[in-house]
Protein backbone atom coordinates (compact mmCIF):
# COMPACT_ATOMS: atom_id res chain seq x y z
CA MET A 1 34.82 -10.15 21.34
CA SER A 2 37.87 -12.61 21.23
CA PRO A 3 38.32 -14.67 18.26
CA ARG A 4 37.29 -17.83 19.29
CA ARG A 5 33.89 -16.11 20.07
CA ARG A 6 33.55 -14.63 16.55
CA ASP A 7 34.42 -18.07 14.82
CA ALA A 8 31.39 -20.08 17.13
CA GLU A 9 28.84 -17.04 16.05
CA GLY A 10 29.66 -17.46 12.50
CA THR A 11 29.38 -21.18 12.45
CA ALA A 12 26.20 -20.69 14.25
CA ALA A 13 24.68 -18.24 11.67
CA ALA A 14 26.11 -21.03 8.57
CA ARG A 15 24.54 -23.33 10.28
CA ALA A 16 21.33 -21.48 11.10
CA GLN A 17 21.34 -20.31 7.54
CA ARG A 18 21.87 -23.92 6.00
CA ARG A 19 18.85 -25.08 8.38
CA ALA A 20 17.14 -22.40 6.49
CA GLU A 21 17.89 -23.48 3.01
CA LEU A 22 17.19 -26.91 3.76
CA LEU A 23 13.39 -25.86 5.36
CA ALA A 24 12.54 -24.42 1.97
CA THR A 25 13.96 -26.91 0.01
CA ALA A 26 12.23 -29.35 1.93
CA ALA A 27 8.53 -27.63 1.88
CA GLU A 28 9.06 -27.52 -2.44
CA VAL A 29 9.32 -31.75 -2.03
CA PHE A 30 6.39 -31.39 0.33
CA ALA A 31 4.34 -29.36 -1.61
CA SER A 32 5.37 -31.00 -5.33
CA GLN A 33 5.07 -34.72 -4.15
CA GLY A 34 2.86 -34.89 -1.02
CA TYR A 35 4.22 -35.52 2.81
CA SER A 36 3.17 -39.09 2.14
CA ALA A 37 4.94 -39.67 -0.37
CA THR A 38 8.00 -37.48 0.81
CA THR A 39 11.31 -39.30 2.19
CA VAL A 40 14.16 -37.77 3.92
CA ARG A 41 16.10 -39.36 1.18
CA LYS A 42 14.27 -37.58 -1.52
CA VAL A 43 14.69 -34.17 0.76
CA ALA A 44 18.36 -34.62 0.70
CA ASP A 45 18.37 -35.11 -3.13
CA ALA A 46 16.70 -32.29 -3.84
CA ALA A 47 19.12 -30.12 -1.51
CA GLY A 48 22.08 -32.07 -2.86
CA ILE A 49 23.46 -33.84 0.14
CA LEU A 50 23.69 -37.52 1.27
CA GLY A 51 20.68 -38.82 3.11
CA GLY A 52 22.81 -39.08 6.42
CA SER A 53 23.74 -35.28 6.33
CA LEU A 54 19.92 -34.11 6.39
CA TYR A 55 19.82 -35.86 9.82
CA TYR A 56 22.88 -33.59 11.24
CA HIS A 57 19.86 -31.07 11.01
CA PHE A 58 16.68 -32.90 11.15
CA ASP A 59 15.72 -35.82 13.17
CA SER A 60 12.80 -36.81 10.96
CA LYS A 61 10.87 -35.59 7.98
CA GLU A 62 8.45 -35.07 10.76
CA SER A 63 10.07 -32.26 12.23
CA MET A 64 10.95 -30.45 9.29
CA ALA A 65 7.24 -30.96 8.63
CA ASP A 66 6.10 -29.30 12.15
CA GLU A 67 8.95 -26.20 11.70
CA ILE A 68 7.52 -25.34 8.23
CA LEU A 69 3.92 -24.79 9.51
CA SER A 70 4.42 -23.72 12.80
CA THR A 71 6.92 -21.42 11.27
CA PHE A 72 4.66 -19.92 8.54
CA LEU A 73 1.05 -20.20 11.07
CA ASP A 74 3.21 -17.99 13.96
CA GLU A 75 4.00 -15.42 11.35
CA MET A 76 0.58 -15.48 9.76
CA TRP A 77 -0.93 -15.11 13.26
CA ALA A 78 1.17 -12.19 14.28
CA ALA A 79 0.36 -10.23 11.27
CA TYR A 80 -3.13 -10.78 11.82
CA ASP A 81 -3.00 -9.96 15.63
CA ARG A 82 -1.24 -6.96 14.58
CA VAL A 83 -4.26 -5.90 12.65
CA LEU A 84 -7.34 -7.58 15.00
CA GLY A 85 -5.66 -4.63 17.58
CA SER A 86 -5.71 -1.88 15.21
CA GLY A 87 -8.83 -0.77 16.21
CA LEU A 88 -9.85 -0.81 12.05
CA GLY A 89 -13.50 -1.10 11.20
CA ALA A 90 -14.66 -3.86 10.14
CA ARG A 91 -14.55 -3.44 6.46
CA ASP A 92 -11.15 -2.42 6.85
CA THR A 93 -9.99 -4.98 9.08
CA LEU A 94 -11.20 -7.74 6.53
CA GLU A 95 -8.98 -5.76 3.82
CA ALA A 96 -6.14 -5.80 5.78
CA ILE A 97 -6.37 -9.96 6.85
CA VAL A 98 -6.74 -10.58 2.96
CA VAL A 99 -3.37 -8.55 2.56
CA GLU A 100 -1.69 -9.83 4.76
CA SER A 101 -3.10 -13.92 3.29
CA PHE A 102 -1.82 -13.09 0.43
CA ARG A 103 1.76 -11.77 1.51
CA SER A 104 1.65 -15.15 3.95
CA ILE A 105 1.13 -17.34 0.85
CA ASP A 106 4.21 -15.30 -1.05
CA ARG A 107 6.61 -15.71 1.70
CA HIS A 108 5.55 -19.28 2.68
CA ARG A 109 3.84 -20.64 -0.87
CA PRO A 110 5.09 -24.34 -0.21
CA ALA A 111 3.76 -24.30 3.42
CA VAL A 112 0.64 -23.36 2.59
CA VAL A 113 0.30 -25.52 -0.16
CA LEU A 114 1.39 -28.29 2.87
CA TYR A 115 -1.26 -26.56 4.90
CA GLN A 116 -3.89 -27.02 2.40
CA ASN A 117 -3.56 -30.93 1.28
CA GLU A 118 -2.22 -32.44 4.66
CA SER A 119 -3.20 -30.90 7.47
CA LYS A 120 -6.36 -32.89 7.91
CA HIS A 121 -4.10 -35.82 8.20
CA LEU A 122 -1.29 -34.38 9.81
CA ALA A 123 -3.63 -33.26 12.42
CA ASN A 124 -4.38 -36.97 13.61
CA ALA A 125 -0.76 -36.74 15.36
CA GLU A 126 -0.48 -35.23 18.46
CA ARG A 127 2.87 -33.26 17.27
CA PHE A 128 0.62 -31.19 14.77
CA ARG A 129 -2.92 -30.95 17.07
CA TYR A 130 -2.01 -27.47 16.73
CA LEU A 131 -3.41 -27.00 13.12
CA LEU A 132 -6.90 -28.06 14.62
CA ASP A 133 -6.19 -25.21 17.05
CA SER A 134 -4.88 -22.99 14.64
CA HIS A 135 -8.40 -24.02 11.91
CA ARG A 136 -10.63 -22.81 14.49
CA ARG A 137 -9.56 -19.97 15.62
CA PHE A 138 -9.12 -18.95 11.98
CA GLU A 139 -12.47 -19.48 11.65
CA GLU A 140 -13.86 -17.89 14.95
CA MET A 141 -11.71 -14.07 13.53
CA TRP A 142 -13.51 -14.88 10.01
CA MET A 143 -17.32 -15.11 11.91
CA SER A 144 -16.51 -12.76 14.38
CA LEU A 145 -15.75 -10.15 11.76
CA LEU A 146 -17.96 -11.10 9.75
CA ALA A 147 -20.78 -10.30 12.27
CA ARG A 148 -19.11 -7.22 13.46
CA GLY A 149 -19.36 -5.67 9.85
CA VAL A 150 -22.94 -6.52 10.13
CA ASP A 151 -23.49 -5.06 13.91
CA GLU A 152 -21.63 -1.92 11.83
CA GLY A 153 -23.50 -1.82 8.75
CA ALA A 154 -20.03 -2.07 6.48
CA PHE A 155 -21.87 -5.93 5.44
CA ARG A 156 -25.06 -7.42 4.03
CA ALA A 157 -27.12 -8.86 6.43
CA ASP A 158 -28.92 -10.99 4.59
CA LEU A 159 -25.88 -13.07 3.64
CA ASP A 160 -25.00 -16.43 5.29
CA ARG A 161 -21.87 -15.98 6.86
CA THR A 162 -20.80 -19.25 7.20
CA LEU A 163 -20.81 -19.87 3.11
CA VAL A 164 -19.46 -15.89 3.00
CA TYR A 165 -16.59 -17.52 5.17
CA ARG A 166 -15.80 -20.42 3.47
CA PHE A 167 -16.03 -18.54 -0.54
CA ILE A 168 -13.22 -16.09 0.99
CA ARG A 169 -11.22 -18.38 2.45
CA ASP A 170 -10.91 -20.99 -0.54
CA THR A 171 -10.97 -18.07 -3.04
CA VAL A 172 -7.74 -16.44 -1.15
CA TRP A 173 -5.68 -19.43 0.04
CA VAL A 174 -6.28 -21.70 -3.42
CA ALA A 175 -3.98 -18.88 -4.88
CA ALA A 176 -0.90 -20.79 -3.11
CA ASN A 177 -1.33 -23.15 -5.92
CA TRP A 178 -0.53 -21.09 -8.60
CA TYR A 179 1.21 -17.90 -7.09
CA GLN A 180 4.60 -16.93 -8.37
CA ARG A 181 6.90 -14.79 -6.64
CA GLY A 182 7.38 -11.96 -9.25
CA GLY A 183 4.65 -12.30 -11.27
CA ARG A 184 2.65 -10.20 -13.30
CA LEU A 185 1.08 -8.91 -10.20
CA SER A 186 2.14 -9.14 -6.71
CA ALA A 187 0.94 -10.36 -3.81
CA ASP A 188 -0.36 -6.73 -3.39
CA ASP A 189 -1.65 -6.38 -6.25
CA ILE A 190 -3.79 -9.33 -6.55
CA ALA A 191 -4.99 -9.12 -3.11
CA LYS A 192 -6.40 -5.84 -4.63
CA GLN A 193 -8.22 -7.11 -7.13
CA TYR A 194 -9.95 -10.06 -4.72
CA LEU A 195 -11.21 -7.45 -2.72
CA ALA A 196 -12.48 -5.65 -5.93
CA MET A 197 -14.10 -8.73 -6.61
CA VAL A 198 -15.50 -9.58 -3.08
CA LEU A 199 -16.20 -6.08 -2.24
CA GLU A 200 -17.53 -4.72 -5.56
CA GLY A 201 -18.53 -7.32 -8.00
CA ILE A 202 -17.22 -7.73 -11.17
CA GLN A 203 -20.34 -5.97 -12.96
CA ALA A 204 -19.73 -2.95 -14.29
CA SER A 205 -21.85 0.03 -12.96
């Protein structure tokens, strides 16, 4: 490899690393202050750079939010698709999906908060229309899984599947508001506790 090419690759890697750092900062600001209240200047201030320097990497706050959300969703769906394609029974699939959900929160907590708080508003813009598609796909996945679980005899048939879906969805993803990486319980530990409560209850046998 020529020195010029090596230098170019080193520069590209450094720029990619800096871009990732700025996106992480932007995600934290969006999550804590809200998308509408966040300006490029606020993100730049949080990153310790001038506002104009941020435009070297991103042309707008919409671009930053788009990359934050699409990265989170792409990784989440890749994990879900691996689970769904593994041939597990309905109960094991449910458990694996919940575990992957908490792992997504662990990796992308600010993005999850941004998605929860702002997706309905952002989805009105054509650029973020994929948020609606992801929401529909998510609901269809869960409703299909719950129906399969009933057919397999793994889940109770007398429960309202829509209510069960909403309960699992809300109780899992709201954890992004309080979860902290490096806390007393890991993401996998929290997933196990949630699954025990959902599948076994809290009443002593």
